[in-house]
Amino acid sequence: MLHEPIVVERTYNAPIQQVWNALTQAAALRQWFFDVPAFEPRVGFAFEFTGKGKEGEPYLHHCVVTEADAPHKLAYSWRYEGAEGISLVTYELKAEGNRTHIRLIHTGTETFPAGKAFARENFVEGWTALIGTQLKTYAETGVENKA
């Protein structure tokens, strides 16, 4: 169970290109995700951002795009400054008429240090909020909805 990927799936009332743009444009990412200074959906593109843990502690994330197949699939590595381990975040998009089904898969979280800060339930909670609420609201309305 601990090595199972984290999977969050939702269907948005937004066309696939609109959801793709929300995932791949730095200005859009800053609205619903994190303060990502720059982003390009290009294999090899490295980006970083700082996110806060449950206790408010900052975590610098280092990521590198590993797959970009517009507008259907985006994947990038995900690791933390000063911590062991590396994981992979994958977004799969499927058009359903004028709606989009998104499937987020996060694998490899078990490679991070053991302990509360990198607990599986924190990733599940975070991705559920990001994909289930924040990205959904942004993709459907273009309005920021960061917690």
Foldseek 3Di string as FASTA:
>chain_A
DQQAWQKDKDKALAALQLLQCCVFAQVNCVQQPFNWPGGHQDAQDKTWGWDAFPVRHIWIWIKGWHDHDPPAKTKIKIDTPPWWWIKMWMWGWDGDDRMIMIMIIIGTLVRTDDDDRSDPVRVNVVVCCRVVPQSRCCSHPVHGDYD
